[in-house]
Amino acid sequence: MIIKEEIYIEPFDLLRVLHIYIPDDIQVGERFPVMYMYDGHNLFLDEDATYGKSWGIKDFLDAVGGRVIIVGLECNHQGNMRLCEFSPYSFKDEEFGSVKGLGKITTNWIVDVLKPYIDENYPTLPEREFTGIGGSSMGGLMAVYGVALRSDIFSKGACVSPFYDHVFERLVHDISKTQLNPDTKVYISWGRKEFGDSKSLALGTEKNLLISRILTEKGANVFPHLFIEGEHNEQSWEKEVPIFFSELNVTTQL
């Protein structure tokens, strides 16, 4: 089932919708791993998705009997605030202008406020072993940042088509300096059709492999994937759902 509820984000002084998946047939005393994911409105139902197509995670989990809670945080739809809240670093972009990086605040709020709230109100397995972070595009960037910088909380990250423009060098610097829990699992993906030409594809691949190498050298178990037919949209990301759920061992049953 999908539960929608509002939660107050104090540092932004805003209410935000949570899109929460929980199994329909919860047994007495049963508790579940939790995956926190960005752009919650795009995860489960086509009618909620920005472009009319979701990742189909609900249908997938219902079909395979996955035992997991997914907490999807809806983005801020006002102006370029999604970029601000989902970027750890400030930057300037020709199309979107100045972006104030509030992603560190968002990450800390998830760790310090949202996770305790979910653990108190839902039947979770709260330990790090059962806690993950995930997202695509800007959410993929935030998943890379979150699993690397807060591996004390997140043991796994699904980093789908992460957005690196304008921020890559600062991200590499911070990841290189952080201390990573060595049992961390990280899935990183990118699609060939996300890039306009072979040079852009090579540069994008190099960036993802550099992140993969840094995390691997710190002891993480990294799963890098280049999808030959992959595009930057929900239709493509839906095809990855079974892969990262399996490789990251997200649920207690598949």
C-alpha atoms as a PDB file:
ATOM      1  CA  MET A   1       0.000   0.000   0.000  1.00  0.00           C
ATOM      2  CA  ILE A   2       0.996   3.625  -0.461  1.00  0.00           C
ATOM      3  CA  ILE A   3       0.568   6.039   2.428  1.00  0.00           C
ATOM      4  CA  LYS A   4       0.801   9.775   1.810  1.00  0.00           C
ATOM      5  CA  GLU A   5       1.354  12.131   4.700  1.00  0.00           C
ATOM      6  CA  GLU A   6       2.741  15.594   5.238  1.00  0.00           C
ATOM      7  CA  ILE A   7       5.769  16.299   7.353  1.00  0.00           C
ATOM      8  CA  TYR A   8       7.234  19.625   8.407  1.00  0.00           C
ATOM      9  CA  ILE A   9      10.798  20.365   7.309  1.00  0.00           C
ATOM     10  CA  GLU A  10      11.895  22.838   9.953  1.00  0.00           C
ATOM     11  CA  PRO A  11      15.076  24.188   8.304  1.00  0.00           C
ATOM     12  CA  PHE A  12      13.041  25.103   5.200  1.00  0.00           C
ATOM     13  CA  ASP A  13       9.859  26.083   7.100  1.00  0.00           C
ATOM     14  CA  LEU A  14       7.793  23.972   4.701  1.00  0.00           C
ATOM     15  CA  LEU A  15       5.385  21.068   4.732  1.00  0.00           C
ATOM     16  CA  ARG A  16       6.305  18.245   2.366  1.00  0.00           C
ATOM     17  CA  VAL A  17       4.501  15.095   1.246  1.00  0.00           C
ATOM     18  CA  LEU A  18       5.972  11.696   2.025  1.00  0.00           C
ATOM     19  CA  HIS A  19       5.064   8.812  -0.296  1.00  0.00           C
ATOM     20  CA  ILE A  20       5.534   5.658   1.777  1.00  0.00           C
ATOM     21  CA  TYR A  21       5.315   2.077   0.533  1.00  0.00           C
ATOM     22  CA  ILE A  22       4.652  -0.675   3.049  1.00  0.00           C
ATOM     23  CA  PRO A  23       3.633  -4.293   2.343  1.00  0.00           C
ATOM     24  CA  ASP A  24      -0.111  -4.968   2.430  1.00  0.00           C
ATOM     25  CA  ASP A  25       0.074  -8.136   4.509  1.00  0.00           C
ATOM     26  CA  ILE A  26       2.142  -7.204   7.542  1.00  0.00           C
ATOM     27  CA  GLN A  27       2.440 -10.065   9.996  1.00  0.00           C
ATOM     28  CA  VAL A  28       2.274  -9.550  13.753  1.00  0.00           C
ATOM     29  CA  GLY A  29       5.693  -8.464  14.992  1.00  0.00           C
ATOM     30  CA  GLU A  30       7.166  -8.166  11.490  1.00  0.00           C
ATOM     31  CA  ARG A  31       9.640  -5.356  10.894  1.00  0.00           C
ATOM     32  CA  PHE A  32      11.201  -4.151   7.666  1.00  0.00           C
ATOM     33  CA  PRO A  33      14.342  -2.616   6.152  1.00  0.00           C
ATOM     34  CA  VAL A  34      13.901   0.974   4.996  1.00  0.00           C
ATOM     35  CA  MET A  35      15.027   2.709   1.821  1.00  0.00           C
ATOM     36  CA  TYR A  36      14.825   6.522   1.825  1.00  0.00           C
ATOM     37  CA  MET A  37      14.432   7.862  -1.707  1.00  0.00           C
ATOM     38  CA  TYR A  38      14.203  11.253  -3.373  1.00  0.00           C
ATOM     39  CA  ASP A  39      11.391  12.450  -5.675  1.00  0.00           C
ATOM     40  CA  GLY A  40       8.873  10.247  -3.895  1.00  0.00           C
ATOM     41  CA  HIS A  41       6.045  11.303  -6.214  1.00  0.00           C
ATOM     42  CA  ASN A  42       7.846   9.580  -9.116  1.00  0.00           C
ATOM     43  CA  LEU A  43       8.436   6.231  -7.420  1.00  0.00           C
ATOM     44  CA  PHE A  44       5.134   4.372  -7.235  1.00  0.00           C
ATOM     45  CA  LEU A  45       2.105   5.648  -9.150  1.00  0.00           C
ATOM     46  CA  ASP A  46       1.932   7.046 -12.678  1.00  0.00           C
ATOM     47  CA  GLU A  47      -0.812   9.490 -11.681  1.00  0.00           C
ATOM     48  CA  ASP A  48       1.537  11.145  -9.162  1.00  0.00           C
ATOM     49  CA  ALA A  49       4.605  11.271 -11.409  1.00  0.00           C
ATOM     50  CA  THR A  50       5.784  14.558 -12.887  1.00  0.00           C
ATOM     51  CA  TYR A  51       5.786  13.256 -16.454  1.00  0.00           C
ATOM     52  CA  GLY A  52       3.014  10.674 -16.088  1.00  0.00           C
ATOM     53  CA  LYS A  53       5.363   7.689 -15.664  1.00  0.00           C
ATOM     54  CA  SER A  54       6.660   6.337 -12.357  1.00  0.00           C
ATOM     55  CA  TRP A  55       9.458   3.906 -11.538  1.00  0.00           C
ATOM     56  CA  GLY A  56       6.793   1.246 -10.869  1.00  0.00           C
ATOM     57  CA  ILE A  57       8.378   0.265  -7.559  1.00  0.00           C
ATOM     58  CA  LYS A  58       5.047  -0.618  -5.956  1.00  0.00           C
ATOM     59  CA  ASP A  59       4.101  -2.998  -8.773  1.00  0.00           C
ATOM     60  CA  PHE A  60       7.541  -4.605  -8.657  1.00  0.00           C
ATOM     61  CA  LEU A  61       7.542  -5.139  -4.891  1.00  0.00           C
ATOM     62  CA  ASP A  62       3.959  -6.392  -4.863  1.00  0.00           C
ATOM     63  CA  ALA A  63       4.789  -8.869  -7.641  1.00  0.00           C
ATOM     64  CA  VAL A  64       7.914 -10.316  -6.000  1.00  0.00           C
ATOM     65  CA  GLY A  65       6.740 -10.162  -2.384  1.00  0.00           C
ATOM     66  CA  GLY A  66       9.421  -7.707  -1.323  1.00  0.00           C
ATOM     67  CA  ARG A  67       9.449  -6.999   2.401  1.00  0.00           C
ATOM     68  CA  VAL A  68      10.653  -3.431   2.704  1.00  0.00           C
ATOM     69  CA  ILE A  69       9.459   0.068   3.505  1.00  0.00           C
ATOM     70  CA  ILE A  70      10.237   2.767   0.945  1.00  0.00           C
ATOM     71  CA  VAL A  71      10.057   6.358   2.185  1.00  0.00           C
ATOM     72  CA  GLY A  72       9.871   8.736  -0.757  1.00  0.00           C
ATOM     73  CA  LEU A  73      10.448  12.433  -0.085  1.00  0.00           C
ATOM     74  CA  GLU A  74       8.618  14.610  -2.600  1.00  0.00           C
ATOM     75  CA  CYS A  75      10.735  17.384  -4.042  1.00  0.00           C
ATOM     76  CA  ASN A  76      10.090  21.109  -3.782  1.00  0.00           C
ATOM     77  CA  HIS A  77       8.310  22.015  -7.029  1.00  0.00           C
ATOM     78  CA  GLN A  78       8.738  25.800  -6.688  1.00  0.00           C
ATOM     79  CA  GLY A  79      11.120  27.370  -9.204  1.00  0.00           C
ATOM     80  CA  ASN A  80      14.587  25.838  -8.946  1.00  0.00           C
ATOM     81  CA  MET A  81      14.153  24.793  -5.304  1.00  0.00           C
ATOM     82  CA  ARG A  82      14.398  21.105  -6.214  1.00  0.00           C
ATOM     83  CA  LEU A  83      17.916  21.805  -7.431  1.00  0.00           C
ATOM     84  CA  CYS A  84      18.709  23.746  -4.264  1.00  0.00           C
ATOM     85  CA  GLU A  85      17.400  21.143  -1.820  1.00  0.00           C
ATOM     86  CA  PHE A  86      18.895  18.257  -3.803  1.00  0.00           C
ATOM     87  CA  SER A  87      22.398  19.681  -4.296  1.00  0.00           C
ATOM     88  CA  PRO A  88      25.015  19.695  -1.536  1.00  0.00           C
ATOM     89  CA  TYR A  89      26.849  22.515  -3.329  1.00  0.00           C
ATOM     90  CA  SER A  90      25.939  25.902  -4.751  1.00  0.00           C
ATOM     91  CA  PHE A  91      26.474  26.464  -8.465  1.00  0.00           C
ATOM     92  CA  LYS A  92      25.406  28.579 -11.421  1.00  0.00           C
ATOM     93  CA  ASP A  93      23.674  27.151 -14.468  1.00  0.00           C
ATOM     94  CA  GLU A  94      22.867  28.854 -17.784  1.00  0.00           C
ATOM     95  CA  GLU A  95      19.291  27.548 -17.757  1.00  0.00           C
ATOM     96  CA  PHE A  96      18.431  27.672 -14.046  1.00  0.00           C
ATOM     97  CA  GLY A  97      20.616  30.523 -12.824  1.00  0.00           C
ATOM     98  CA  SER A  98      22.054  30.545  -9.321  1.00  0.00           C
ATOM     99  CA  VAL A  99      21.432  27.432  -7.263  1.00  0.00           C
ATOM    100  CA  LYS A 100      22.000  27.603  -3.518  1.00  0.00           C
ATOM    101  CA  GLY A 101      23.207  24.209  -2.323  1.00  0.00           C
ATOM    102  CA  LEU A 102      20.983  23.079   0.546  1.00  0.00           C
ATOM    103  CA  GLY A 103      21.616  19.357   0.101  1.00  0.00           C
ATOM    104  CA  LYS A 104      23.713  18.983   3.240  1.00  0.00           C
ATOM    105  CA  ILE A 105      20.811  20.437   5.237  1.00  0.00           C
ATOM    106  CA  THR A 106      18.418  18.039   3.488  1.00  0.00           C
ATOM    107  CA  THR A 107      20.680  15.064   4.245  1.00  0.00           C
ATOM    108  CA  ASN A 108      21.034  16.011   7.904  1.00  0.00           C
ATOM    109  CA  TRP A 109      17.260  16.477   8.201  1.00  0.00           C
ATOM    110  CA  ILE A 110      16.673  12.983   6.790  1.00  0.00           C
ATOM    111  CA  VAL A 111      19.161  11.523   9.261  1.00  0.00           C
ATOM    112  CA  ASP A 112      18.231  13.555  12.337  1.00  0.00           C
ATOM    113  CA  VAL A 113      14.467  14.048  11.924  1.00  0.00           C
ATOM    114  CA  LEU A 114      12.879  11.919   9.203  1.00  0.00           C
ATOM    115  CA  LYS A 115      14.534   8.615  10.086  1.00  0.00           C
ATOM    116  CA  PRO A 116      13.685   8.851  13.813  1.00  0.00           C
ATOM    117  CA  TYR A 117      10.101   9.762  12.877  1.00  0.00           C
ATOM    118  CA  ILE A 118       9.765   6.766  10.544  1.00  0.00           C
ATOM    119  CA  ASP A 119      11.367   4.433  13.096  1.00  0.00           C
ATOM    120  CA  GLU A 120       8.909   5.616  15.748  1.00  0.00           C
ATOM    121  CA  ASN A 121       5.777   5.376  13.628  1.00  0.00           C
ATOM    122  CA  TYR A 122       6.391   2.430  11.293  1.00  0.00           C
ATOM    123  CA  PRO A 123       7.540  -1.180  11.842  1.00  0.00           C
ATOM    124  CA  THR A 124      11.159  -0.664  10.792  1.00  0.00           C
ATOM    125  CA  LEU A 125      14.443  -2.410  11.352  1.00  0.00           C
ATOM    126  CA  PRO A 126      16.260   0.783  12.416  1.00  0.00           C
ATOM    127  CA  GLU A 127      19.823  -0.505  12.364  1.00  0.00           C
ATOM    128  CA  ARG A 128      22.296   0.745   9.776  1.00  0.00           C
ATOM    129  CA  GLU A 129      22.420  -2.704   8.169  1.00  0.00           C
ATOM    130  CA  PHE A 130      18.808  -2.254   7.078  1.00  0.00           C
ATOM    131  CA  THR A 131      18.890   1.417   6.050  1.00  0.00           C
ATOM    132  CA  GLY A 132      19.544   2.737   2.548  1.00  0.00           C
ATOM    133  CA  ILE A 133      19.320   5.904   0.464  1.00  0.00           C
ATOM    134  CA  GLY A 134      18.476   6.259  -3.223  1.00  0.00           C
ATOM    135  CA  GLY A 135      17.427   8.514  -6.058  1.00  0.00           C
ATOM    136  CA  SER A 136      17.936   9.535  -9.665  1.00  0.00           C
ATOM    137  CA  SER A 137      19.470  12.584 -11.342  1.00  0.00           C
ATOM    138  CA  MET A 138      19.702  15.228  -8.575  1.00  0.00           C
ATOM    139  CA  GLY A 139      18.430  12.501  -6.248  1.00  0.00           C
ATOM    140  CA  GLY A 140      21.204  10.275  -7.563  1.00  0.00           C
ATOM    141  CA  LEU A 141      23.740  12.960  -6.668  1.00  0.00           C
ATOM    142  CA  MET A 142      22.218  13.155  -3.201  1.00  0.00           C
ATOM    143  CA  ALA A 143      22.374   9.372  -2.872  1.00  0.00           C
ATOM    144  CA  VAL A 144      26.100   9.401  -3.720  1.00  0.00           C
ATOM    145  CA  TYR A 145      26.659  12.204  -1.229  1.00  0.00           C
ATOM    146  CA  GLY A 146      24.487  10.626   1.471  1.00  0.00           C
ATOM    147  CA  VAL A 147      25.852   7.090   1.350  1.00  0.00           C
ATOM    148  CA  ALA A 148      29.452   8.374   1.253  1.00  0.00           C
ATOM    149  CA  LEU A 149      29.260  11.165   3.829  1.00  0.00           C
ATOM    150  CA  ARG A 150      26.763   9.445   6.172  1.00  0.00           C
ATOM    151  CA  SER A 151      27.725   5.805   5.900  1.00  0.00           C
ATOM    152  CA  ASP A 152      27.314   5.718   9.668  1.00  0.00           C
ATOM    153  CA  ILE A 153      23.562   5.732   8.961  1.00  0.00           C
ATOM    154  CA  PHE A 154      23.205   4.325   5.424  1.00  0.00           C
ATOM    155  CA  SER A 155      24.714   0.951   4.556  1.00  0.00           C
ATOM    156  CA  LYS A 156      23.585   1.036   0.919  1.00  0.00           C
ATOM    157  CA  GLY A 157      22.962   3.569  -1.824  1.00  0.00           C
ATOM    158  CA  ALA A 158      21.091   3.356  -5.135  1.00  0.00           C
ATOM    159  CA  CYS A 159      22.698   6.161  -7.145  1.00  0.00           C
ATOM    160  CA  VAL A 160      20.822   6.197 -10.447  1.00  0.00           C
ATOM    161  CA  SER A 161      21.983   8.546 -13.220  1.00  0.00           C
ATOM    162  CA  PRO A 162      23.584  10.976 -10.745  1.00  0.00           C
ATOM    163  CA  PHE A 163      23.820  14.630 -11.805  1.00  0.00           C
ATOM    164  CA  TYR A 164      27.421  15.838 -11.566  1.00  0.00           C
ATOM    165  CA  ASP A 165      27.391  19.050 -13.625  1.00  0.00           C
ATOM    166  CA  HIS A 166      29.045  22.008 -11.845  1.00  0.00           C
ATOM    167  CA  VAL A 167      29.692  20.066  -8.600  1.00  0.00           C
ATOM    168  CA  PHE A 168      31.840  17.060  -9.481  1.00  0.00           C
ATOM    169  CA  GLU A 169      35.212  18.296  -8.210  1.00  0.00           C
ATOM    170  CA  ARG A 170      33.744  19.317  -4.849  1.00  0.00           C
ATOM    171  CA  LEU A 171      31.949  15.973  -4.550  1.00  0.00           C
ATOM    172  CA  VAL A 172      35.159  14.063  -5.284  1.00  0.00           C
ATOM    173  CA  HIS A 173      37.028  16.171  -2.723  1.00  0.00           C
ATOM    174  CA  ASP A 174      34.492  15.467   0.025  1.00  0.00           C
ATOM    175  CA  ILE A 175      34.198  11.754  -0.756  1.00  0.00           C
ATOM    176  CA  SER A 176      37.973  11.408  -0.854  1.00  0.00           C
ATOM    177  CA  LYS A 177      38.263  12.939   2.627  1.00  0.00           C
ATOM    178  CA  THR A 178      35.450  10.998   4.297  1.00  0.00           C
ATOM    179  CA  GLN A 179      35.823   7.841   6.353  1.00  0.00           C
ATOM    180  CA  LEU A 180      33.592   5.147   4.880  1.00  0.00           C
ATOM    181  CA  ASN A 181      32.172   2.119   6.627  1.00  0.00           C
ATOM    182  CA  PRO A 182      33.861  -0.729   4.726  1.00  0.00           C
ATOM    183  CA  ASP A 183      30.689  -2.848   4.409  1.00  0.00           C
ATOM    184  CA  THR A 184      28.844  -0.141   2.453  1.00  0.00           C
ATOM    185  CA  LYS A 185      27.166  -1.191  -0.806  1.00  0.00           C
ATOM    186  CA  VAL A 186      26.788   1.315  -3.640  1.00  0.00           C
ATOM    187  CA  TYR A 187      24.974   0.898  -6.952  1.00  0.00           C
ATOM    188  CA  ILE A 188      25.888   3.550  -9.557  1.00  0.00           C
ATOM    189  CA  SER A 189      24.339   3.649 -13.017  1.00  0.00           C
ATOM    190  CA  TRP A 190      24.325   5.781 -16.143  1.00  0.00           C
ATOM    191  CA  GLY A 191      22.775   5.371 -19.572  1.00  0.00           C
ATOM    192  CA  ARG A 192      24.444   5.791 -22.946  1.00  0.00           C
ATOM    193  CA  LYS A 193      21.518   7.770 -24.319  1.00  0.00           C
ATOM    194  CA  GLU A 194      21.784  10.324 -21.503  1.00  0.00           C
ATOM    195  CA  PHE A 195      24.763  11.779 -23.355  1.00  0.00           C
ATOM    196  CA  GLY A 196      24.682  13.661 -26.648  1.00  0.00           C
ATOM    197  CA  ASP A 197      27.830  12.230 -28.204  1.00  0.00           C
ATOM    198  CA  SER A 198      30.641   9.751 -27.641  1.00  0.00           C
ATOM    199  CA  LYS A 199      32.892  12.329 -25.980  1.00  0.00           C
ATOM    200  CA  SER A 200      30.200  13.246 -23.440  1.00  0.00           C
ATOM    201  CA  LEU A 201      29.557   9.558 -22.818  1.00  0.00           C
ATOM    202  CA  ALA A 202      33.254   8.929 -22.204  1.00  0.00           C
ATOM    203  CA  LEU A 203      33.488  11.849 -19.768  1.00  0.00           C
ATOM    204  CA  GLY A 204      30.311  10.787 -17.953  1.00  0.00           C
ATOM    205  CA  THR A 205      31.570   7.218 -17.707  1.00  0.00           C
ATOM    206  CA  GLU A 206      34.915   8.436 -16.385  1.00  0.00           C
ATOM    207  CA  LYS A 207      33.178  10.406 -13.628  1.00  0.00           C
ATOM    208  CA  ASN A 208      31.075   7.477 -12.480  1.00  0.00           C
ATOM    209  CA  LEU A 209      34.044   5.127 -12.558  1.00  0.00           C
ATOM    210  CA  LEU A 210      36.159   7.604 -10.571  1.00  0.00           C
ATOM    211  CA  ILE A 211      33.470   7.760  -7.872  1.00  0.00           C
ATOM    212  CA  SER A 212      33.287   3.963  -7.984  1.00  0.00           C
ATOM    213  CA  ARG A 213      37.058   3.645  -7.613  1.00  0.00           C
ATOM    214  CA  ILE A 214      37.277   6.056  -4.678  1.00  0.00           C
ATOM    215  CA  LEU A 215      34.517   4.231  -2.825  1.00  0.00           C
ATOM    216  CA  THR A 216      36.018   0.831  -3.671  1.00  0.00           C
ATOM    217  CA  GLU A 217      39.405   1.887  -2.347  1.00  0.00           C
ATOM    218  CA  LYS A 218      37.678   2.870   0.896  1.00  0.00           C
ATOM    219  CA  GLY A 219      36.303  -0.671   1.193  1.00  0.00           C
ATOM    220  CA  ALA A 220      32.823  -0.295  -0.287  1.00  0.00           C
ATOM    221  CA  ASN A 221      31.265  -2.941  -2.495  1.00  0.00           C
ATOM    222  CA  VAL A 222      30.396  -0.952  -5.625  1.00  0.00           C
ATOM    223  CA  PHE A 223      28.171  -2.058  -8.511  1.00  0.00           C
ATOM    224  CA  PRO A 224      28.745   0.250 -11.532  1.00  0.00           C
ATOM    225  CA  HIS A 225      26.393  -0.179 -14.498  1.00  0.00           C
ATOM    226  CA  LEU A 226      26.414   1.373 -17.961  1.00  0.00           C
ATOM    227  CA  PHE A 227      23.088   0.751 -19.691  1.00  0.00           C
ATOM    228  CA  ILE A 228      23.522   0.797 -23.470  1.00  0.00           C
ATOM    229  CA  GLU A 229      19.915   1.784 -24.117  1.00  0.00           C
ATOM    230  CA  GLY A 230      19.563   3.830 -20.911  1.00  0.00           C
ATOM    231  CA  GLU A 231      17.945   7.265 -21.020  1.00  0.00           C
ATOM    232  CA  HIS A 232      17.442   9.961 -18.408  1.00  0.00           C
ATOM    233  CA  ASN A 233      13.835   9.187 -17.545  1.00  0.00           C
ATOM    234  CA  GLU A 234      11.559   7.063 -15.400  1.00  0.00           C
ATOM    235  CA  GLN A 235      10.940   4.540 -18.181  1.00  0.00           C
ATOM    236  CA  SER A 236      14.630   3.640 -18.137  1.00  0.00           C
ATOM    237  CA  TRP A 237      15.006   3.767 -14.370  1.00  0.00           C
ATOM    238  CA  GLU A 238      12.073   1.381 -13.933  1.00  0.00           C
ATOM    239  CA  LYS A 239      14.152  -1.295 -15.688  1.00  0.00           C
ATOM    240  CA  GLU A 240      16.887  -0.867 -13.082  1.00  0.00           C
ATOM    241  CA  VAL A 241      14.637  -1.406 -10.066  1.00  0.00           C
ATOM    242  CA  PRO A 242      14.997  -5.228  -9.931  1.00  0.00           C
ATOM    243  CA  ILE A 243      18.755  -4.916 -10.426  1.00  0.00           C
ATOM    244  CA  PHE A 244      19.593  -2.523  -7.611  1.00  0.00           C
ATOM    245  CA  PHE A 245      17.102  -4.105  -5.225  1.00  0.00           C
ATOM    246  CA  SER A 246      18.876  -7.415  -5.772  1.00  0.00           C
ATOM    247  CA  GLU A 247      22.487  -6.202  -5.766  1.00  0.00           C
ATOM    248  CA  LEU A 248      22.015  -4.045  -2.689  1.00  0.00           C
ATOM    249  CA  ASN A 249      19.939  -6.717  -0.934  1.00  0.00           C
ATOM    250  CA  VAL A 250      17.371  -4.050  -0.088  1.00  0.00           C
ATOM    251  CA  THR A 251      14.486  -6.277   0.984  1.00  0.00           C
ATOM    252  CA  THR A 252      14.269  -9.257   3.296  1.00  0.00           C
ATOM    253  CA  GLN A 253      12.504 -11.304   0.597  1.00  0.00           C
ATOM    254  CA  LEU A 254      12.731 -11.354  -3.209  1.00  0.00           C
END
